[in-house]
């Protein structure tokens, strides 16, 4: 059985993707990160390889954009203003070398940075200044064009700047919205046509918005100390998963 609105995708696959969009958005909104890479892993099991990263990027643009709108009062605009120019430069550089890079190197590098940012000594203030934030924006956007989900790395970096859970989630969501927007432009210019996938993308964004609403309400019930602990555990689990992927590719 297929759902005609969603092309040749079986109904079970459509339901799985919509539920996944909702659940992973709930996870990101309540714990700060983790939903994007989890959604990517699920999509990789049921969608054609050629469309996974472009579709994931557009869905995440909608999901993070909705989360940023729902929590806009808590966005750190100064951090975001430093992140955006770097993201643009990273997207431009990535568009020039849009090729398949060794996944093992990417996965291990991202995992190493995540583990350091979660459990290593605090980054120097210079790194957390505007130049460092811009560099993080450029590097993570560049890498995201090839591995799809770098939200855990961006989240770990922003966590170094803010202790408040609402500011962390809101600023992270705004930064990822812009990062995914630049990726969408790059893939569009590279000739990726996602017209046939638009009904699925729109439905997943709507489902993600419901998950975001649920997640933000769960976030209100947490204390900053509990949030920080859970945030680190989620990011560490994602880093370990990346290491496992690198060793099994």
C-alpha atoms as a PDB file:
ATOM      1  CA  UNK A   1       0.000   0.000   0.000  1.00  0.00           C
ATOM      2  CA  UNK A   2       1.289   3.469  -0.909  1.00  0.00           C
ATOM      3  CA  UNK A   3       0.101   6.966  -0.103  1.00  0.00           C
ATOM      4  CA  UNK A   4      -0.442   8.702  -3.478  1.00  0.00           C
ATOM      5  CA  UNK A   5       0.311  12.167  -2.104  1.00  0.00           C
ATOM      6  CA  UNK A   6       3.787  10.925  -1.178  1.00  0.00           C
ATOM      7  CA  UNK A   7       4.614   9.217  -4.473  1.00  0.00           C
ATOM      8  CA  UNK A   8       5.808   5.638  -4.250  1.00  0.00           C
ATOM      9  CA  UNK A   9       6.544   5.647  -0.521  1.00  0.00           C
ATOM     10  CA  UNK A  10       4.657   2.932   1.378  1.00  0.00           C
ATOM     11  CA  UNK A  11       2.171   4.161   3.970  1.00  0.00           C
ATOM     12  CA  UNK A  12       4.206   2.540   6.749  1.00  0.00           C
ATOM     13  CA  UNK A  13       7.292   4.518   5.708  1.00  0.00           C
ATOM     14  CA  UNK A  14       5.353   7.794   5.633  1.00  0.00           C
ATOM     15  CA  UNK A  15       3.930   7.143   9.105  1.00  0.00           C
ATOM     16  CA  UNK A  16       7.397   6.225  10.397  1.00  0.00           C
ATOM     17  CA  UNK A  17       8.930   9.444   9.045  1.00  0.00           C
ATOM     18  CA  UNK A  18       6.143  11.647  10.436  1.00  0.00           C
ATOM     19  CA  UNK A  19       6.356  10.051  13.878  1.00  0.00           C
ATOM     20  CA  UNK A  20      10.153  10.299  13.755  1.00  0.00           C
ATOM     21  CA  UNK A  21       9.978  14.009  12.913  1.00  0.00           C
ATOM     22  CA  UNK A  22       7.722  14.588  15.924  1.00  0.00           C
ATOM     23  CA  UNK A  23       9.731  12.495  18.390  1.00  0.00           C
ATOM     24  CA  UNK A  24      13.138  13.821  17.329  1.00  0.00           C
ATOM     25  CA  UNK A  25      11.920  17.430  17.505  1.00  0.00           C
ATOM     26  CA  UNK A  26      10.648  16.734  21.014  1.00  0.00           C
ATOM     27  CA  UNK A  27      14.079  15.389  21.927  1.00  0.00           C
ATOM     28  CA  UNK A  28      15.946  18.408  20.567  1.00  0.00           C
ATOM     29  CA  UNK A  29      13.573  20.942  22.123  1.00  0.00           C
ATOM     30  CA  UNK A  30      13.723  19.318  25.562  1.00  0.00           C
ATOM     31  CA  UNK A  31      17.370  18.186  25.695  1.00  0.00           C
ATOM     32  CA  UNK A  32      19.021  20.690  23.346  1.00  0.00           C
ATOM     33  CA  UNK A  33      20.346  18.328  20.669  1.00  0.00           C
ATOM     34  CA  UNK A  34      20.233  14.807  19.312  1.00  0.00           C
ATOM     35  CA  UNK A  35      17.075  14.855  17.239  1.00  0.00           C
ATOM     36  CA  UNK A  36      18.709  15.836  13.953  1.00  0.00           C
ATOM     37  CA  UNK A  37      21.228  13.017  13.815  1.00  0.00           C
ATOM     38  CA  UNK A  38      18.629  10.515  15.018  1.00  0.00           C
ATOM     39  CA  UNK A  39      16.239  11.595  12.254  1.00  0.00           C
ATOM     40  CA  UNK A  40      19.058  11.331   9.702  1.00  0.00           C
ATOM     41  CA  UNK A  41      19.766   7.766  10.812  1.00  0.00           C
ATOM     42  CA  UNK A  42      16.097   6.794  10.396  1.00  0.00           C
ATOM     43  CA  UNK A  43      15.787   8.495   6.995  1.00  0.00           C
ATOM     44  CA  UNK A  44      18.894   6.656   5.808  1.00  0.00           C
ATOM     45  CA  UNK A  45      17.048   3.365   6.284  1.00  0.00           C
ATOM     46  CA  UNK A  46      13.987   4.196   4.145  1.00  0.00           C
ATOM     47  CA  UNK A  47      14.828   6.930   1.599  1.00  0.00           C
ATOM     48  CA  UNK A  48      16.978   6.819  -1.574  1.00  0.00           C
ATOM     49  CA  UNK A  49      20.602   7.755  -0.742  1.00  0.00           C
ATOM     50  CA  UNK A  50      20.691  10.647  -3.230  1.00  0.00           C
ATOM     51  CA  UNK A  51      17.936  12.603  -1.429  1.00  0.00           C
ATOM     52  CA  UNK A  52      18.682  11.841   2.229  1.00  0.00           C
ATOM     53  CA  UNK A  53      20.937  14.814   3.074  1.00  0.00           C
ATOM     54  CA  UNK A  54      19.037  17.434   0.990  1.00  0.00           C
ATOM     55  CA  UNK A  55      15.630  16.343   2.351  1.00  0.00           C
ATOM     56  CA  UNK A  56      16.994  16.128   5.897  1.00  0.00           C
ATOM     57  CA  UNK A  57      18.411  19.647   5.566  1.00  0.00           C
ATOM     58  CA  UNK A  58      15.098  21.168   4.454  1.00  0.00           C
ATOM     59  CA  UNK A  59      13.113  19.303   7.127  1.00  0.00           C
ATOM     60  CA  UNK A  60      15.583  20.426   9.786  1.00  0.00           C
ATOM     61  CA  UNK A  61      15.351  23.993   8.468  1.00  0.00           C
ATOM     62  CA  UNK A  62      11.617  23.914   9.152  1.00  0.00           C
ATOM     63  CA  UNK A  63      11.987  22.147  12.495  1.00  0.00           C
ATOM     64  CA  UNK A  64      14.698  24.442  13.848  1.00  0.00           C
ATOM     65  CA  UNK A  65      13.005  27.499  12.395  1.00  0.00           C
ATOM     66  CA  UNK A  66       9.793  26.665  14.218  1.00  0.00           C
ATOM     67  CA  UNK A  67      11.696  26.070  17.457  1.00  0.00           C
ATOM     68  CA  UNK A  68      13.525  29.380  17.080  1.00  0.00           C
ATOM     69  CA  UNK A  69      10.221  31.217  16.531  1.00  0.00           C
ATOM     70  CA  UNK A  70       8.636  29.582  19.576  1.00  0.00           C
ATOM     71  CA  UNK A  71      11.595  30.564  21.769  1.00  0.00           C
ATOM     72  CA  UNK A  72      12.773  33.781  20.051  1.00  0.00           C
ATOM     73  CA  UNK A  73      12.793  35.780  23.304  1.00  0.00           C
ATOM     74  CA  UNK A  74      15.706  33.650  24.554  1.00  0.00           C
ATOM     75  CA  UNK A  75      17.924  33.876  21.439  1.00  0.00           C
ATOM     76  CA  UNK A  76      21.381  35.331  22.026  1.00  0.00           C
ATOM     77  CA  UNK A  77      21.487  37.603  18.972  1.00  0.00           C
ATOM     78  CA  UNK A  78      25.107  38.548  19.567  1.00  0.00           C
ATOM     79  CA  UNK A  79      26.257  34.924  19.305  1.00  0.00           C
ATOM     80  CA  UNK A  80      23.984  34.381  16.323  1.00  0.00           C
ATOM     81  CA  UNK A  81      25.353  37.480  14.588  1.00  0.00           C
ATOM     82  CA  UNK A  82      28.875  36.098  14.868  1.00  0.00           C
ATOM     83  CA  UNK A  83      27.835  32.603  13.737  1.00  0.00           C
ATOM     84  CA  UNK A  84      26.027  33.663  10.554  1.00  0.00           C
ATOM     85  CA  UNK A  85      28.925  35.154   8.513  1.00  0.00           C
ATOM     86  CA  UNK A  86      31.002  32.056   9.185  1.00  0.00           C
ATOM     87  CA  UNK A  87      28.131  29.821   8.094  1.00  0.00           C
ATOM     88  CA  UNK A  88      27.846  31.691   4.791  1.00  0.00           C
ATOM     89  CA  UNK A  89      31.566  31.336   4.113  1.00  0.00           C
ATOM     90  CA  UNK A  90      31.476  27.640   5.064  1.00  0.00           C
ATOM     91  CA  UNK A  91      28.566  27.029   2.675  1.00  0.00           C
ATOM     92  CA  UNK A  92      30.340  28.856  -0.168  1.00  0.00           C
ATOM     93  CA  UNK A  93      33.534  26.848   0.347  1.00  0.00           C
ATOM     94  CA  UNK A  94      31.560  23.634   0.590  1.00  0.00           C
ATOM     95  CA  UNK A  95      29.726  24.363  -2.664  1.00  0.00           C
ATOM     96  CA  UNK A  96      33.092  24.475  -4.445  1.00  0.00           C
ATOM     97  CA  UNK A  97      34.088  20.993  -3.287  1.00  0.00           C
ATOM     98  CA  UNK A  98      30.719  19.199  -3.078  1.00  0.00           C
ATOM     99  CA  UNK A  99      32.239  15.741  -3.323  1.00  0.00           C
ATOM    100  CA  UNK A 100      32.212  12.547  -1.275  1.00  0.00           C
ATOM    101  CA  UNK A 101      34.843  12.876   1.450  1.00  0.00           C
ATOM    102  CA  UNK A 102      36.045   9.924   3.584  1.00  0.00           C
ATOM    103  CA  UNK A 103      33.258   9.471   6.163  1.00  0.00           C
ATOM    104  CA  UNK A 104      35.584   7.913   8.749  1.00  0.00           C
ATOM    105  CA  UNK A 105      37.649  11.088   9.007  1.00  0.00           C
ATOM    106  CA  UNK A 106      34.561  13.272   9.327  1.00  0.00           C
ATOM    107  CA  UNK A 107      32.872  11.078  11.933  1.00  0.00           C
ATOM    108  CA  UNK A 108      35.950  10.707  14.123  1.00  0.00           C
ATOM    109  CA  UNK A 109      36.764  14.427  13.960  1.00  0.00           C
ATOM    110  CA  UNK A 110      33.237  15.463  14.940  1.00  0.00           C
ATOM    111  CA  UNK A 111      33.070  12.858  17.713  1.00  0.00           C
ATOM    112  CA  UNK A 112      36.413  14.017  19.117  1.00  0.00           C
ATOM    113  CA  UNK A 113      35.332  17.652  19.219  1.00  0.00           C
ATOM    114  CA  UNK A 114      32.005  16.770  20.853  1.00  0.00           C
ATOM    115  CA  UNK A 115      33.651  14.714  23.600  1.00  0.00           C
ATOM    116  CA  UNK A 116      36.182  17.477  24.267  1.00  0.00           C
ATOM    117  CA  UNK A 117      33.490  20.162  24.414  1.00  0.00           C
ATOM    118  CA  UNK A 118      31.388  18.066  26.812  1.00  0.00           C
ATOM    119  CA  UNK A 119      34.062  16.705  29.147  1.00  0.00           C
ATOM    120  CA  UNK A 120      37.289  18.591  28.476  1.00  0.00           C
ATOM    121  CA  UNK A 121      38.438  21.856  30.064  1.00  0.00           C
ATOM    122  CA  UNK A 122      36.450  25.002  29.131  1.00  0.00           C
ATOM    123  CA  UNK A 123      37.455  26.645  25.888  1.00  0.00           C
ATOM    124  CA  UNK A 124      39.549  29.820  26.194  1.00  0.00           C
ATOM    125  CA  UNK A 125      37.566  33.058  26.111  1.00  0.00           C
ATOM    126  CA  UNK A 126      39.282  33.966  22.845  1.00  0.00           C
ATOM    127  CA  UNK A 127      37.751  30.912  21.149  1.00  0.00           C
ATOM    128  CA  UNK A 128      34.311  31.820  22.492  1.00  0.00           C
ATOM    129  CA  UNK A 129      34.622  35.386  21.156  1.00  0.00           C
ATOM    130  CA  UNK A 130      33.219  36.578  17.832  1.00  0.00           C
ATOM    131  CA  UNK A 131      36.123  35.214  15.686  1.00  0.00           C
ATOM    132  CA  UNK A 132      35.850  31.783  17.334  1.00  0.00           C
ATOM    133  CA  UNK A 133      32.069  31.658  16.927  1.00  0.00           C
ATOM    134  CA  UNK A 134      32.389  32.686  13.265  1.00  0.00           C
ATOM    135  CA  UNK A 135      34.981  29.947  12.721  1.00  0.00           C
ATOM    136  CA  UNK A 136      32.655  27.406  14.345  1.00  0.00           C
ATOM    137  CA  UNK A 137      29.845  28.546  12.066  1.00  0.00           C
ATOM    138  CA  UNK A 138      32.016  28.136   8.981  1.00  0.00           C
ATOM    139  CA  UNK A 139      33.500  24.769   9.933  1.00  0.00           C
ATOM    140  CA  UNK A 140      30.228  23.134  10.987  1.00  0.00           C
ATOM    141  CA  UNK A 141      28.335  24.402   7.917  1.00  0.00           C
ATOM    142  CA  UNK A 142      31.091  23.153   5.610  1.00  0.00           C
ATOM    143  CA  UNK A 143      31.106  19.710   7.237  1.00  0.00           C
ATOM    144  CA  UNK A 144      27.298  19.468   7.311  1.00  0.00           C
ATOM    145  CA  UNK A 145      27.173  19.490   3.500  1.00  0.00           C
ATOM    146  CA  UNK A 146      28.879  16.094   3.513  1.00  0.00           C
ATOM    147  CA  UNK A 147      27.744  14.329   6.700  1.00  0.00           C
ATOM    148  CA  UNK A 148      24.254  15.842   7.017  1.00  0.00           C
ATOM    149  CA  UNK A 149      23.910  16.431  10.769  1.00  0.00           C
ATOM    150  CA  UNK A 150      26.349  18.537  12.783  1.00  0.00           C
ATOM    151  CA  UNK A 151      23.803  19.755  15.295  1.00  0.00           C
ATOM    152  CA  UNK A 152      25.515  17.914  18.142  1.00  0.00           C
ATOM    153  CA  UNK A 153      28.752  19.781  17.437  1.00  0.00           C
ATOM    154  CA  UNK A 154      27.024  23.173  17.201  1.00  0.00           C
ATOM    155  CA  UNK A 155      25.055  22.407  20.361  1.00  0.00           C
ATOM    156  CA  UNK A 156      28.193  21.401  22.250  1.00  0.00           C
ATOM    157  CA  UNK A 157      29.888  24.636  21.209  1.00  0.00           C
ATOM    158  CA  UNK A 158      26.949  26.850  22.197  1.00  0.00           C
ATOM    159  CA  UNK A 159      26.746  25.024  25.540  1.00  0.00           C
ATOM    160  CA  UNK A 160      30.233  26.353  26.264  1.00  0.00           C
ATOM    161  CA  UNK A 161      28.855  29.893  25.929  1.00  0.00           C
ATOM    162  CA  UNK A 162      25.534  29.627  27.785  1.00  0.00           C
ATOM    163  CA  UNK A 163      24.457  27.834  30.938  1.00  0.00           C
ATOM    164  CA  UNK A 164      20.781  28.812  30.720  1.00  0.00           C
ATOM    165  CA  UNK A 165      18.812  25.978  29.111  1.00  0.00           C
ATOM    166  CA  UNK A 166      16.351  28.234  27.261  1.00  0.00           C
ATOM    167  CA  UNK A 167      19.116  30.402  25.793  1.00  0.00           C
ATOM    168  CA  UNK A 168      21.032  27.295  24.730  1.00  0.00           C
ATOM    169  CA  UNK A 169      18.059  25.734  22.936  1.00  0.00           C
ATOM    170  CA  UNK A 170      16.850  28.980  21.340  1.00  0.00           C
ATOM    171  CA  UNK A 171      20.270  30.117  20.104  1.00  0.00           C
ATOM    172  CA  UNK A 172      21.124  26.613  18.882  1.00  0.00           C
ATOM    173  CA  UNK A 173      17.836  26.438  16.961  1.00  0.00           C
ATOM    174  CA  UNK A 174      18.361  29.826  15.322  1.00  0.00           C
ATOM    175  CA  UNK A 175      21.948  28.956  14.344  1.00  0.00           C
ATOM    176  CA  UNK A 176      20.900  25.610  12.877  1.00  0.00           C
ATOM    177  CA  UNK A 177      18.028  27.249  10.975  1.00  0.00           C
ATOM    178  CA  UNK A 178      20.447  29.508   9.176  1.00  0.00           C
ATOM    179  CA  UNK A 179      22.929  26.685   8.612  1.00  0.00           C
ATOM    180  CA  UNK A 180      20.273  24.499   7.001  1.00  0.00           C
ATOM    181  CA  UNK A 181      19.052  27.454   4.925  1.00  0.00           C
ATOM    182  CA  UNK A 182      22.518  27.924   3.437  1.00  0.00           C
ATOM    183  CA  UNK A 183      22.699  24.173   2.743  1.00  0.00           C
ATOM    184  CA  UNK A 184      19.343  24.288   0.947  1.00  0.00           C
ATOM    185  CA  UNK A 185      20.653  27.052  -1.324  1.00  0.00           C
ATOM    186  CA  UNK A 186      23.832  25.080  -2.068  1.00  0.00           C
ATOM    187  CA  UNK A 187      21.915  21.908  -2.958  1.00  0.00           C
ATOM    188  CA  UNK A 188      19.455  23.889  -5.079  1.00  0.00           C
ATOM    189  CA  UNK A 189      22.309  25.458  -7.036  1.00  0.00           C
ATOM    190  CA  UNK A 190      23.919  22.030  -7.399  1.00  0.00           C
ATOM    191  CA  UNK A 191      20.820  20.796  -9.226  1.00  0.00           C
ATOM    192  CA  UNK A 192      18.995  18.798  -6.548  1.00  0.00           C
ATOM    193  CA  UNK A 193      15.271  18.819  -7.395  1.00  0.00           C
ATOM    194  CA  UNK A 194      13.146  18.079  -4.340  1.00  0.00           C
ATOM    195  CA  UNK A 195       9.798  18.995  -5.914  1.00  0.00           C
ATOM    196  CA  UNK A 196       8.521  15.407  -5.738  1.00  0.00           C
ATOM    197  CA  UNK A 197       9.417  15.279  -2.039  1.00  0.00           C
ATOM    198  CA  UNK A 198       7.691  18.534  -1.055  1.00  0.00           C
ATOM    199  CA  UNK A 199       4.482  16.937   0.347  1.00  0.00           C
ATOM    200  CA  UNK A 200       6.572  14.681   2.589  1.00  0.00           C
ATOM    201  CA  UNK A 201       8.859  17.558   3.623  1.00  0.00           C
ATOM    202  CA  UNK A 202       5.911  19.818   4.515  1.00  0.00           C
ATOM    203  CA  UNK A 203       4.194  17.043   6.481  1.00  0.00           C
ATOM    204  CA  UNK A 204       7.404  16.254   8.395  1.00  0.00           C
ATOM    205  CA  UNK A 205       7.914  19.944   9.228  1.00  0.00           C
ATOM    206  CA  UNK A 206       4.342  20.150  10.560  1.00  0.00           C
ATOM    207  CA  UNK A 207       4.859  16.993  12.611  1.00  0.00           C
ATOM    208  CA  UNK A 208       8.152  18.403  13.892  1.00  0.00           C
ATOM    209  CA  UNK A 209       6.373  21.592  15.018  1.00  0.00           C
ATOM    210  CA  UNK A 210       4.094  19.493  17.229  1.00  0.00           C
ATOM    211  CA  UNK A 211       7.141  17.778  18.693  1.00  0.00           C
ATOM    212  CA  UNK A 212       8.810  21.128  19.332  1.00  0.00           C
ATOM    213  CA  UNK A 213       5.755  22.387  21.232  1.00  0.00           C
ATOM    214  CA  UNK A 214       5.812  19.278  23.416  1.00  0.00           C
ATOM    215  CA  UNK A 215       9.566  19.492  23.953  1.00  0.00           C
ATOM    216  CA  UNK A 216       9.553  23.143  24.997  1.00  0.00           C
ATOM    217  CA  UNK A 217       6.898  22.385  27.600  1.00  0.00           C
ATOM    218  CA  UNK A 218       9.058  19.565  28.942  1.00  0.00           C
ATOM    219  CA  UNK A 219      12.017  21.969  29.023  1.00  0.00           C
ATOM    220  CA  UNK A 220      10.095  24.298  31.349  1.00  0.00           C
ATOM    221  CA  UNK A 221       9.916  21.523  33.927  1.00  0.00           C
ATOM    222  CA  UNK A 222      13.700  21.031  34.048  1.00  0.00           C
ATOM    223  CA  UNK A 223      16.327  22.799  36.096  1.00  0.00           C
ATOM    224  CA  UNK A 224      19.484  24.124  34.433  1.00  0.00           C
ATOM    225  CA  UNK A 225      21.701  21.618  36.291  1.00  0.00           C
ATOM    226  CA  UNK A 226      19.584  18.662  35.165  1.00  0.00           C
ATOM    227  CA  UNK A 227      19.456  20.003  31.625  1.00  0.00           C
ATOM    228  CA  UNK A 228      23.250  20.356  31.439  1.00  0.00           C
ATOM    229  CA  UNK A 229      23.765  16.800  32.679  1.00  0.00           C
ATOM    230  CA  UNK A 230      21.245  15.282  30.252  1.00  0.00           C
ATOM    231  CA  UNK A 231      22.588  17.458  27.437  1.00  0.00           C
ATOM    232  CA  UNK A 232      26.115  16.125  27.959  1.00  0.00           C
ATOM    233  CA  UNK A 233      24.890  12.531  28.111  1.00  0.00           C
ATOM    234  CA  UNK A 234      22.900  12.880  24.880  1.00  0.00           C
ATOM    235  CA  UNK A 235      25.850  14.479  23.083  1.00  0.00           C
ATOM    236  CA  UNK A 236      28.224  11.802  24.377  1.00  0.00           C
ATOM    237  CA  UNK A 237      25.918   9.058  23.119  1.00  0.00           C
ATOM    238  CA  UNK A 238      25.860  10.725  19.700  1.00  0.00           C
ATOM    239  CA  UNK A 239      29.660  11.013  19.674  1.00  0.00           C
ATOM    240  CA  UNK A 240      30.006   7.315  20.517  1.00  0.00           C
ATOM    241  CA  UNK A 241      27.586   6.491  17.717  1.00  0.00           C
ATOM    242  CA  UNK A 242      29.742   8.472  15.271  1.00  0.00           C
ATOM    243  CA  UNK A 243      32.825   6.558  16.411  1.00  0.00           C
ATOM    244  CA  UNK A 244      30.986   3.280  15.900  1.00  0.00           C
ATOM    245  CA  UNK A 245      29.924   4.418  12.405  1.00  0.00           C
ATOM    246  CA  UNK A 246      33.530   5.327  11.551  1.00  0.00           C
ATOM    247  CA  UNK A 247      34.735   1.893  12.628  1.00  0.00           C
ATOM    248  CA  UNK A 248      32.035  -0.005  10.718  1.00  0.00           C
ATOM    249  CA  UNK A 249      31.884   1.956   7.421  1.00  0.00           C
END
